């Protein structure tokens, strides 16, 4: 009964969430099947995902998002960066004081960089290992696409998990055009 009552109270939020979920599903079904997609489309997908996740988090959690407005015409493989964001929401303790998630993308003519940081629970399994099957799969996918034109680091210090991916676009495109 409380669940139904809360939906009635937040009818606008619920309708908005359903629309965002619909957009996520549309993207997953239609755009993600292509080899590349404009970075702007991927950023829209990330924003919709983050907006849905905001519904789960308490006001105690600081959420800082810094995504570029201009994609500089960059095309990327779809769904390449969402695992970083999913993991941040999955492994953040939403009830812990001073919890946070920070997501930032920097883009220029030579480099693309995404950094995701989050405060994890001291009891979290991430403390023991910095990645699972999803992490291995992502690294394999990055190697297949970007070969040695990227660096990926994942660290945990003082219950803060940091994932940092930097792709040297200049190096990657130079290799692509020389083939």
N, C-alpha and C. Protein backbone atom coordinates (compact mmCIF):
# COMPACT_ATOMS: atom_id res chain seq x y z
N UNK A 1 0.81 -1.19 0.00
CA UNK A 1 0.00 0.00 0.00
C UNK A 1 0.87 1.26 0.00
N UNK A 2 1.94 1.26 0.81
CA UNK A 2 2.82 2.43 0.83
C UNK A 2 3.45 2.68 -0.53
N UNK A 3 3.83 1.60 -1.22
CA UNK A 3 4.43 1.74 -2.53
C UNK A 3 3.46 2.40 -3.50
N UNK A 4 2.24 1.92 -3.54
CA UNK A 4 1.22 2.49 -4.43
C UNK A 4 0.95 3.94 -4.05
N UNK A 5 0.87 4.22 -2.75
CA UNK A 5 0.63 5.58 -2.30
C UNK A 5 1.77 6.51 -2.74
N UNK A 6 3.02 6.04 -2.65
CA UNK A 6 4.14 6.90 -3.05
C UNK A 6 4.13 7.18 -4.54
N UNK A 7 3.66 6.25 -5.35
CA UNK A 7 3.56 6.50 -6.78
C UNK A 7 2.49 7.55 -7.05
N UNK A 8 1.39 7.48 -6.32
CA UNK A 8 0.34 8.49 -6.50
C UNK A 8 0.85 9.87 -6.11
N UNK A 9 1.61 9.95 -5.05
CA UNK A 9 2.14 11.23 -4.61
C UNK A 9 3.14 11.78 -5.63
N UNK A 10 3.96 10.90 -6.19
CA UNK A 10 4.99 11.30 -7.14
C UNK A 10 4.62 10.89 -8.56
N UNK A 11 3.40 11.12 -8.92
CA UNK A 11 2.91 10.70 -10.24
C UNK A 11 3.74 11.29 -11.37
N UNK A 12 4.11 12.55 -11.26
CA UNK A 12 4.93 13.19 -12.29
C UNK A 12 6.30 12.53 -12.38
N UNK A 13 6.91 12.26 -11.22
CA UNK A 13 8.21 11.59 -11.20
C UNK A 13 8.11 10.20 -11.81
N UNK A 14 7.05 9.48 -11.47
CA UNK A 14 6.86 8.13 -11.99
C UNK A 14 6.68 8.16 -13.51
N UNK A 15 5.90 9.11 -14.01
CA UNK A 15 5.70 9.22 -15.45
C UNK A 15 7.02 9.58 -16.15
N UNK A 16 7.77 10.48 -15.55
CA UNK A 16 9.07 10.87 -16.10
C UNK A 16 10.02 9.67 -16.13
N UNK A 17 10.02 8.88 -15.06
CA UNK A 17 10.89 7.71 -14.98
C UNK A 17 10.53 6.69 -16.06
N UNK A 18 9.24 6.50 -16.30
CA UNK A 18 8.81 5.56 -17.34
C UNK A 18 9.27 6.05 -18.72
N UNK A 19 9.19 7.35 -18.96
CA UNK A 19 9.65 7.90 -20.24
C UNK A 19 11.16 7.71 -20.40
N UNK A 20 11.91 7.94 -19.35
CA UNK A 20 13.37 7.76 -19.41
C UNK A 20 13.71 6.30 -19.64
N UNK A 21 13.01 5.42 -18.95
CA UNK A 21 13.23 3.99 -19.15
C UNK A 21 12.91 3.59 -20.58
N UNK A 22 11.86 4.15 -21.13
CA UNK A 22 11.50 3.90 -22.52
C UNK A 22 12.62 4.34 -23.47
N UNK A 23 13.20 5.51 -23.21
CA UNK A 23 14.31 6.00 -24.04
C UNK A 23 15.53 5.09 -23.91
N UNK A 24 15.80 4.63 -22.69
CA UNK A 24 16.92 3.71 -22.49
C UNK A 24 16.71 2.42 -23.29
N UNK A 25 15.52 1.89 -23.22
CA UNK A 25 15.22 0.65 -23.94
C UNK A 25 15.32 0.85 -25.45
N UNK A 26 14.83 1.97 -25.94
CA UNK A 26 14.90 2.26 -27.37
C UNK A 26 16.36 2.32 -27.82
N UNK A 27 17.19 2.98 -27.03
CA UNK A 27 18.61 3.08 -27.35
C UNK A 27 19.25 1.69 -27.36
N UNK A 28 18.93 0.89 -26.33
CA UNK A 28 19.50 -0.46 -26.24
C UNK A 28 19.08 -1.31 -27.43
N UNK A 29 17.83 -1.18 -27.84
CA UNK A 29 17.32 -2.02 -28.92
C UNK A 29 17.79 -1.58 -30.31
N UNK A 30 17.85 -0.29 -30.55
CA UNK A 30 18.08 0.18 -31.91
C UNK A 30 19.47 0.76 -32.16
N UNK A 31 19.95 1.59 -31.27
CA UNK A 31 21.23 2.24 -31.54
C UNK A 31 22.42 1.40 -31.14
N UNK A 32 22.27 0.57 -30.13
CA UNK A 32 23.43 -0.18 -29.64
C UNK A 32 23.82 -1.32 -30.56
N UNK A 33 22.99 -1.62 -31.55
CA UNK A 33 23.33 -2.71 -32.47
C UNK A 33 24.29 -2.26 -33.56
N UNK A 34 24.51 -0.96 -33.68
CA UNK A 34 25.43 -0.43 -34.68
C UNK A 34 26.85 -0.46 -34.12
N UNK A 35 27.85 -0.46 -34.99
CA UNK A 35 29.24 -0.50 -34.56
C UNK A 35 29.67 0.74 -33.81
N UNK A 36 29.16 1.89 -34.22
CA UNK A 36 29.49 3.14 -33.54
C UNK A 36 28.24 4.01 -33.46
N UNK A 37 28.29 4.94 -32.52
CA UNK A 37 27.19 5.88 -32.32
C UNK A 37 27.80 7.23 -31.96
N UNK A 38 27.14 8.32 -32.27
CA UNK A 38 27.68 9.61 -31.84
C UNK A 38 27.82 9.67 -30.31
N UNK A 39 28.90 10.24 -29.85
CA UNK A 39 29.12 10.38 -28.41
C UNK A 39 27.94 11.09 -27.76
N UNK A 40 27.34 12.05 -28.46
CA UNK A 40 26.19 12.77 -27.93
C UNK A 40 25.03 11.83 -27.59
N UNK A 41 24.81 10.80 -28.42
CA UNK A 41 23.75 9.83 -28.14
C UNK A 41 24.09 9.03 -26.89
N UNK A 42 25.37 8.66 -26.77
CA UNK A 42 25.81 7.91 -25.60
C UNK A 42 25.68 8.75 -24.33
N UNK A 43 26.00 10.03 -24.43
CA UNK A 43 25.86 10.92 -23.28
C UNK A 43 24.40 11.06 -22.89
N UNK A 44 23.49 11.16 -23.88
CA UNK A 44 22.05 11.19 -23.57
C UNK A 44 21.64 9.92 -22.83
N UNK A 45 22.13 8.78 -23.28
CA UNK A 45 21.84 7.50 -22.63
C UNK A 45 22.32 7.54 -21.17
N UNK A 46 23.56 8.00 -20.97
CA UNK A 46 24.12 8.09 -19.62
C UNK A 46 23.27 9.01 -18.74
N UNK A 47 22.86 10.15 -19.29
CA UNK A 47 22.04 11.09 -18.52
C UNK A 47 20.70 10.47 -18.11
N UNK A 48 20.06 9.75 -19.03
CA UNK A 48 18.79 9.10 -18.70
C UNK A 48 19.00 8.03 -17.62
N UNK A 49 20.08 7.26 -17.75
CA UNK A 49 20.39 6.24 -16.75
C UNK A 49 20.63 6.88 -15.38
N UNK A 50 21.43 7.93 -15.36
CA UNK A 50 21.73 8.63 -14.10
C UNK A 50 20.45 9.20 -13.49
N UNK A 51 19.58 9.78 -14.32
CA UNK A 51 18.31 10.32 -13.82
C UNK A 51 17.46 9.24 -13.15
N UNK A 52 17.44 8.04 -13.74
CA UNK A 52 16.69 6.95 -13.12
C UNK A 52 17.33 6.52 -11.80
N UNK A 53 18.64 6.49 -11.77
CA UNK A 53 19.33 6.08 -10.55
C UNK A 53 19.17 7.10 -9.43
N UNK A 54 18.95 8.36 -9.78
CA UNK A 54 18.72 9.40 -8.77
C UNK A 54 17.51 9.05 -7.90
N UNK A 55 16.57 8.32 -8.46
CA UNK A 55 15.38 7.94 -7.71
C UNK A 55 15.72 6.99 -6.56
N UNK A 56 16.85 6.28 -6.68
CA UNK A 56 17.25 5.30 -5.66
C UNK A 56 18.04 5.91 -4.53
N UNK A 57 18.71 7.00 -4.78
CA UNK A 57 19.68 7.49 -3.79
C UNK A 57 19.05 8.45 -2.79
N UNK A 58 19.62 8.45 -1.62
CA UNK A 58 19.12 9.34 -0.57
C UNK A 58 19.75 10.71 -0.73
N UNK A 59 19.18 11.70 -0.07
CA UNK A 59 19.77 13.05 -0.13
C UNK A 59 21.17 13.12 0.48
N UNK A 60 21.57 12.09 1.21
CA UNK A 60 22.91 12.05 1.81
C UNK A 60 24.01 11.91 0.75
N UNK A 61 23.64 11.39 -0.41
CA UNK A 61 24.63 11.10 -1.45
C UNK A 61 24.84 12.32 -2.34
N UNK A 62 26.09 12.74 -2.45
CA UNK A 62 26.43 13.83 -3.36
C UNK A 62 26.62 13.23 -4.75
N UNK A 63 25.93 13.78 -5.72
CA UNK A 63 26.03 13.31 -7.10
C UNK A 63 26.52 14.46 -7.95
N UNK A 64 27.72 14.31 -8.51
CA UNK A 64 28.29 15.37 -9.34
C UNK A 64 28.56 14.79 -10.73
N UNK A 65 27.92 15.40 -11.73
CA UNK A 65 28.02 14.93 -13.11
C UNK A 65 28.60 16.05 -13.96
N UNK A 66 29.63 15.74 -14.72
CA UNK A 66 30.25 16.72 -15.61
C UNK A 66 30.47 16.05 -16.97
N UNK A 67 29.46 16.18 -17.83
CA UNK A 67 29.52 15.58 -19.16
C UNK A 67 29.54 16.70 -20.19
N UNK A 68 30.28 16.52 -21.29
CA UNK A 68 30.38 17.61 -22.28
C UNK A 68 29.07 17.84 -23.01
N UNK A 69 28.85 19.09 -23.40
CA UNK A 69 27.68 19.44 -24.20
C UNK A 69 27.93 19.16 -25.67
N UNK A 70 29.17 19.24 -26.10
CA UNK A 70 29.54 19.06 -27.50
C UNK A 70 30.34 17.78 -27.65
N UNK A 71 29.94 16.92 -28.57
CA UNK A 71 30.66 15.66 -28.75
C UNK A 71 31.77 15.76 -29.81
N UNK A 72 32.00 16.95 -30.35
CA UNK A 72 33.05 17.18 -31.37
C UNK A 72 32.96 16.20 -32.55
N UNK A 73 31.77 15.68 -32.80
CA UNK A 73 31.59 14.75 -33.92
C UNK A 73 32.17 13.37 -33.66
N UNK A 74 32.58 13.10 -32.43
CA UNK A 74 33.20 11.82 -32.09
C UNK A 74 32.17 10.71 -32.12
N UNK A 75 32.53 9.61 -32.76
CA UNK A 75 31.69 8.41 -32.75
C UNK A 75 32.43 7.35 -31.95
N UNK A 76 31.67 6.65 -31.13
CA UNK A 76 32.25 5.64 -30.25
C UNK A 76 31.40 4.38 -30.29
N UNK A 77 31.97 3.27 -29.85
CA UNK A 77 31.15 2.06 -29.72
C UNK A 77 30.09 2.27 -28.65
N UNK A 78 28.87 1.86 -28.89
CA UNK A 78 27.81 2.08 -27.91
C UNK A 78 28.02 1.27 -26.64
N UNK A 79 27.54 1.81 -25.54
CA UNK A 79 27.52 1.16 -24.24
C UNK A 79 28.91 0.82 -23.70
N UNK A 80 29.92 1.51 -24.17
CA UNK A 80 31.28 1.22 -23.74
C UNK A 80 31.56 1.74 -22.35
N UNK A 81 30.98 2.86 -21.97
CA UNK A 81 31.32 3.51 -20.71
C UNK A 81 30.29 3.31 -19.61
N UNK A 82 29.12 2.79 -19.94
CA UNK A 82 28.06 2.63 -18.95
C UNK A 82 28.45 1.68 -17.81
N UNK A 83 29.30 0.67 -18.03
CA UNK A 83 29.68 -0.19 -16.89
C UNK A 83 30.33 0.59 -15.75
N UNK A 84 31.08 1.63 -16.05
CA UNK A 84 31.67 2.45 -14.98
C UNK A 84 30.58 3.09 -14.13
N UNK A 85 29.58 3.62 -14.80
CA UNK A 85 28.50 4.33 -14.11
C UNK A 85 27.63 3.34 -13.34
N UNK A 86 27.32 2.20 -13.96
CA UNK A 86 26.53 1.17 -13.28
C UNK A 86 27.22 0.72 -11.99
N UNK A 87 28.53 0.48 -12.08
CA UNK A 87 29.26 0.02 -10.90
C UNK A 87 29.27 1.06 -9.79
N UNK A 88 29.37 2.32 -10.16
CA UNK A 88 29.36 3.37 -9.14
C UNK A 88 28.05 3.35 -8.36
N UNK A 89 26.93 3.21 -9.07
CA UNK A 89 25.64 3.17 -8.38
C UNK A 89 25.46 1.85 -7.63
N UNK A 90 26.00 0.79 -8.17
CA UNK A 90 25.85 -0.52 -7.55
C UNK A 90 26.63 -0.63 -6.24
N UNK A 91 27.80 -0.01 -6.17
CA UNK A 91 28.69 -0.21 -5.04
C UNK A 91 28.77 0.96 -4.07
N UNK A 92 27.94 1.97 -4.26
CA UNK A 92 27.91 3.08 -3.32
C UNK A 92 26.90 2.78 -2.22
N UNK A 93 27.31 3.02 -1.00
CA UNK A 93 26.40 2.85 0.14
C UNK A 93 25.57 4.12 0.27
N UNK A 94 24.31 4.05 -0.14
CA UNK A 94 23.46 5.23 -0.20
C UNK A 94 23.04 5.75 1.17
N UNK A 95 23.23 4.97 2.20
CA UNK A 95 22.84 5.41 3.54
C UNK A 95 24.00 5.99 4.33
N UNK A 96 25.20 5.77 3.85
CA UNK A 96 26.40 6.24 4.55
C UNK A 96 26.55 7.75 4.41
N UNK A 97 26.86 8.40 5.50
CA UNK A 97 27.13 9.84 5.48
C UNK A 97 28.35 10.09 4.60
N UNK A 98 28.37 11.19 3.88
CA UNK A 98 29.48 11.58 2.99
C UNK A 98 29.66 10.65 1.79
N UNK A 99 28.64 9.92 1.41
CA UNK A 99 28.73 9.10 0.20
C UNK A 99 28.65 10.01 -1.02
N UNK A 100 29.29 9.58 -2.08
CA UNK A 100 29.26 10.39 -3.30
C UNK A 100 29.51 9.54 -4.52
N UNK A 101 29.07 10.08 -5.65
CA UNK A 101 29.39 9.54 -6.97
C UNK A 101 29.74 10.75 -7.82
N UNK A 102 30.90 10.67 -8.48
CA UNK A 102 31.33 11.74 -9.37
C UNK A 102 31.66 11.11 -10.72
N UNK A 103 31.06 11.68 -11.75
CA UNK A 103 31.25 11.19 -13.11
C UNK A 103 31.66 12.37 -13.98
N UNK A 104 32.80 12.24 -14.64
CA UNK A 104 33.29 13.34 -15.47
C UNK A 104 33.86 12.79 -16.78
N UNK A 105 33.54 13.48 -17.85
CA UNK A 105 34.12 13.18 -19.16
C UNK A 105 34.81 14.44 -19.66
N UNK A 106 36.04 14.27 -20.08
CA UNK A 106 36.79 15.36 -20.71
C UNK A 106 37.08 14.93 -22.14
N UNK A 107 36.94 15.87 -23.05
CA UNK A 107 37.12 15.58 -24.46
C UNK A 107 37.84 16.73 -25.13
N UNK A 108 38.88 16.39 -25.88
CA UNK A 108 39.53 17.38 -26.74
C UNK A 108 39.92 16.69 -28.04
N UNK A 109 40.64 17.37 -28.88
CA UNK A 109 40.96 16.81 -30.20
C UNK A 109 41.84 15.56 -30.12
N UNK A 110 42.62 15.42 -29.05
CA UNK A 110 43.56 14.30 -28.96
C UNK A 110 43.14 13.20 -28.00
N UNK A 111 42.34 13.54 -26.99
CA UNK A 111 42.04 12.56 -25.95
C UNK A 111 40.58 12.58 -25.53
N UNK A 112 40.14 11.42 -25.09
CA UNK A 112 38.85 11.25 -24.45
C UNK A 112 39.14 10.63 -23.09
N UNK A 113 38.54 11.17 -22.04
CA UNK A 113 38.78 10.63 -20.72
C UNK A 113 37.48 10.59 -19.93
N UNK A 114 37.24 9.46 -19.29
CA UNK A 114 36.12 9.35 -18.36
C UNK A 114 36.68 8.91 -17.02
N UNK A 115 36.22 9.60 -15.98
CA UNK A 115 36.61 9.23 -14.62
C UNK A 115 35.34 9.11 -13.79
N UNK A 116 35.24 8.00 -13.09
CA UNK A 116 34.11 7.77 -12.21
C UNK A 116 34.68 7.44 -10.83
N UNK A 117 34.22 8.20 -9.84
CA UNK A 117 34.65 8.00 -8.46
C UNK A 117 33.43 7.78 -7.59
N UNK A 118 33.56 6.91 -6.62
CA UNK A 118 32.47 6.73 -5.67
C UNK A 118 33.00 6.23 -4.34
N UNK A 119 32.29 6.63 -3.30
CA UNK A 119 32.59 6.18 -1.94
C UNK A 119 31.92 4.84 -1.76
N UNK A 120 32.71 3.83 -1.41
CA UNK A 120 32.15 2.50 -1.22
C UNK A 120 32.04 2.18 0.25
N UNK A 121 31.18 1.26 0.56
CA UNK A 121 31.02 0.81 1.92
C UNK A 121 32.28 0.05 2.33
N UNK A 122 32.76 0.23 3.54
CA UNK A 122 33.94 -0.51 3.99
C UNK A 122 33.75 -2.03 3.91
N UNK A 123 32.52 -2.47 3.95
CA UNK A 123 32.23 -3.91 3.88
C UNK A 123 32.11 -4.41 2.44
N UNK A 124 32.17 -3.50 1.48
CA UNK A 124 31.93 -3.83 0.08
C UNK A 124 32.98 -4.80 -0.45
N UNK A 125 32.54 -5.72 -1.30
CA UNK A 125 33.45 -6.71 -1.89
C UNK A 125 34.47 -6.08 -2.82
N UNK A 126 34.21 -4.85 -3.29
CA UNK A 126 35.19 -4.19 -4.15
C UNK A 126 36.50 -3.95 -3.43
N UNK A 127 36.46 -3.92 -2.11
CA UNK A 127 37.66 -3.68 -1.32
C UNK A 127 38.69 -4.78 -1.58
N UNK A 128 38.21 -5.98 -1.81
CA UNK A 128 39.10 -7.12 -2.00
C UNK A 128 39.58 -7.26 -3.43
N UNK A 129 38.75 -6.85 -4.37
CA UNK A 129 39.14 -6.97 -5.77
C UNK A 129 38.61 -5.77 -6.55
N UNK A 130 39.34 -5.36 -7.55
CA UNK A 130 38.95 -4.16 -8.28
C UNK A 130 38.22 -4.49 -9.57
N UNK A 131 37.71 -5.66 -9.71
CA UNK A 131 36.94 -5.94 -10.91
C UNK A 131 36.47 -7.37 -10.96
N UNK A 132 35.39 -7.59 -11.66
CA UNK A 132 34.85 -8.92 -11.85
C UNK A 132 34.77 -9.24 -13.32
N UNK A 133 33.81 -10.07 -13.68
CA UNK A 133 33.66 -10.48 -15.08
C UNK A 133 33.34 -9.30 -15.99
N UNK A 134 32.52 -8.38 -15.52
CA UNK A 134 32.18 -7.21 -16.31
C UNK A 134 33.41 -6.38 -16.61
N UNK A 135 34.27 -6.26 -15.63
CA UNK A 135 35.50 -5.49 -15.78
C UNK A 135 36.42 -6.16 -16.80
N UNK A 136 36.55 -7.49 -16.71
CA UNK A 136 37.37 -8.23 -17.67
C UNK A 136 36.82 -8.09 -19.08
N UNK A 137 35.52 -8.19 -19.21
CA UNK A 137 34.87 -8.07 -20.50
C UNK A 137 35.09 -6.68 -21.10
N UNK A 138 34.98 -5.65 -20.27
CA UNK A 138 35.20 -4.29 -20.72
C UNK A 138 36.64 -4.10 -21.20
N UNK A 139 37.60 -4.60 -20.44
CA UNK A 139 39.00 -4.47 -20.83
C UNK A 139 39.27 -5.20 -22.15
N UNK A 140 38.69 -6.37 -22.30
CA UNK A 140 38.84 -7.11 -23.56
C UNK A 140 38.26 -6.32 -24.73
N UNK A 141 37.09 -5.76 -24.53
CA UNK A 141 36.44 -4.95 -25.57
C UNK A 141 37.28 -3.73 -25.93
N UNK A 142 37.83 -3.06 -24.92
CA UNK A 142 38.69 -1.90 -25.17
C UNK A 142 39.93 -2.30 -25.98
N UNK A 143 40.54 -3.44 -25.62
CA UNK A 143 41.73 -3.90 -26.37
C UNK A 143 41.38 -4.21 -27.83
N UNK A 144 40.22 -4.82 -28.04
CA UNK A 144 39.81 -5.15 -29.41
C UNK A 144 39.59 -3.90 -30.24
N UNK A 145 39.04 -2.86 -29.65
CA UNK A 145 38.71 -1.66 -30.39
C UNK A 145 39.88 -0.70 -30.48
N UNK A 146 40.51 -0.41 -29.34
CA UNK A 146 41.51 0.65 -29.28
C UNK A 146 42.95 0.13 -29.20
N UNK A 147 43.12 -1.18 -29.19
CA UNK A 147 44.44 -1.81 -29.10
C UNK A 147 45.22 -1.21 -27.93
N UNK A 148 46.32 -0.53 -28.21
CA UNK A 148 47.15 0.05 -27.15
C UNK A 148 46.96 1.55 -27.03
N UNK A 149 45.88 2.08 -27.57
CA UNK A 149 45.66 3.52 -27.57
C UNK A 149 44.83 3.98 -26.37
N UNK A 150 44.85 3.22 -25.29
CA UNK A 150 44.09 3.59 -24.10
C UNK A 150 44.84 3.16 -22.84
N UNK A 151 44.48 3.83 -21.76
CA UNK A 151 44.94 3.40 -20.43
C UNK A 151 43.71 3.31 -19.54
N UNK A 152 43.67 2.26 -18.76
CA UNK A 152 42.56 2.04 -17.84
C UNK A 152 43.15 1.74 -16.47
N UNK A 153 42.71 2.50 -15.48
CA UNK A 153 43.15 2.21 -14.12
C UNK A 153 41.94 2.16 -13.20
N UNK A 154 42.04 1.28 -12.23
CA UNK A 154 41.00 1.15 -11.21
C UNK A 154 41.73 1.03 -9.88
N UNK A 155 41.41 1.94 -8.97
CA UNK A 155 42.08 1.93 -7.68
C UNK A 155 41.07 2.12 -6.55
N UNK A 156 41.46 1.65 -5.38
CA UNK A 156 40.67 1.87 -4.17
C UNK A 156 41.62 2.39 -3.11
N UNK A 157 41.30 3.56 -2.60
CA UNK A 157 42.05 4.15 -1.49
C UNK A 157 41.07 4.79 -0.53
N UNK A 158 41.18 4.44 0.73
CA UNK A 158 40.32 5.00 1.78
C UNK A 158 38.84 4.92 1.40
N UNK A 159 38.42 3.76 0.95
CA UNK A 159 37.03 3.49 0.59
C UNK A 159 36.52 4.36 -0.56
N UNK A 160 37.42 4.83 -1.40
CA UNK A 160 37.04 5.57 -2.61
C UNK A 160 37.53 4.78 -3.81
N UNK A 161 36.59 4.38 -4.64
CA UNK A 161 36.91 3.65 -5.87
C UNK A 161 37.01 4.65 -7.00
N UNK A 162 38.08 4.56 -7.77
CA UNK A 162 38.29 5.45 -8.90
C UNK A 162 38.56 4.60 -10.14
N UNK A 163 37.73 4.78 -11.15
CA UNK A 163 37.95 4.17 -12.46
C UNK A 163 38.28 5.31 -13.42
N UNK A 164 39.37 5.16 -14.13
CA UNK A 164 39.82 6.20 -15.04
C UNK A 164 40.21 5.57 -16.38
N UNK A 165 39.55 6.00 -17.42
CA UNK A 165 39.83 5.52 -18.77
C UNK A 165 40.21 6.70 -19.64
N UNK A 166 41.37 6.58 -20.28
CA UNK A 166 41.82 7.63 -21.18
C UNK A 166 42.12 6.97 -22.53
N UNK A 167 41.51 7.52 -23.57
CA UNK A 167 41.72 7.01 -24.93
C UNK A 167 42.45 8.08 -25.72
N UNK A 168 43.57 7.70 -26.28
CA UNK A 168 44.35 8.61 -27.12
C UNK A 168 43.73 8.56 -28.52
N UNK A 169 42.84 9.48 -28.81
CA UNK A 169 42.11 9.49 -30.08
C UNK A 169 43.04 9.74 -31.26
N UNK A 170 43.99 10.62 -31.07
CA UNK A 170 44.94 10.94 -32.15
C UNK A 170 45.70 9.68 -32.57
N UNK A 171 46.21 8.96 -31.59
CA UNK A 171 46.96 7.73 -31.87
C UNK A 171 46.05 6.68 -32.52
N UNK A 172 44.85 6.54 -32.00
CA UNK A 172 43.91 5.55 -32.53
C UNK A 172 43.55 5.85 -33.98
N UNK A 173 43.17 7.11 -34.27
CA UNK A 173 42.78 7.46 -35.64
C UNK A 173 43.96 7.43 -36.60
N UNK A 174 45.14 7.72 -36.12
CA UNK A 174 46.34 7.63 -36.96
C UNK A 174 46.56 6.19 -37.36
N UNK A 175 46.42 5.25 -36.41
CA UNK A 175 46.56 3.82 -36.71
C UNK A 175 45.49 3.36 -37.69
N UNK A 176 44.26 3.83 -37.48
CA UNK A 176 43.15 3.42 -38.34
C UNK A 176 43.36 3.87 -39.78
N UNK A 177 43.87 5.08 -39.96
CA UNK A 177 44.07 5.60 -41.32
C UNK A 177 45.30 5.03 -42.00
N UNK A 178 46.22 4.46 -41.23
CA UNK A 178 47.43 3.89 -41.84
C UNK A 178 47.23 2.44 -42.28
N UNK A 179 46.08 1.87 -41.98
CA UNK A 179 45.82 0.47 -42.37
C UNK A 179 45.31 0.38 -43.77
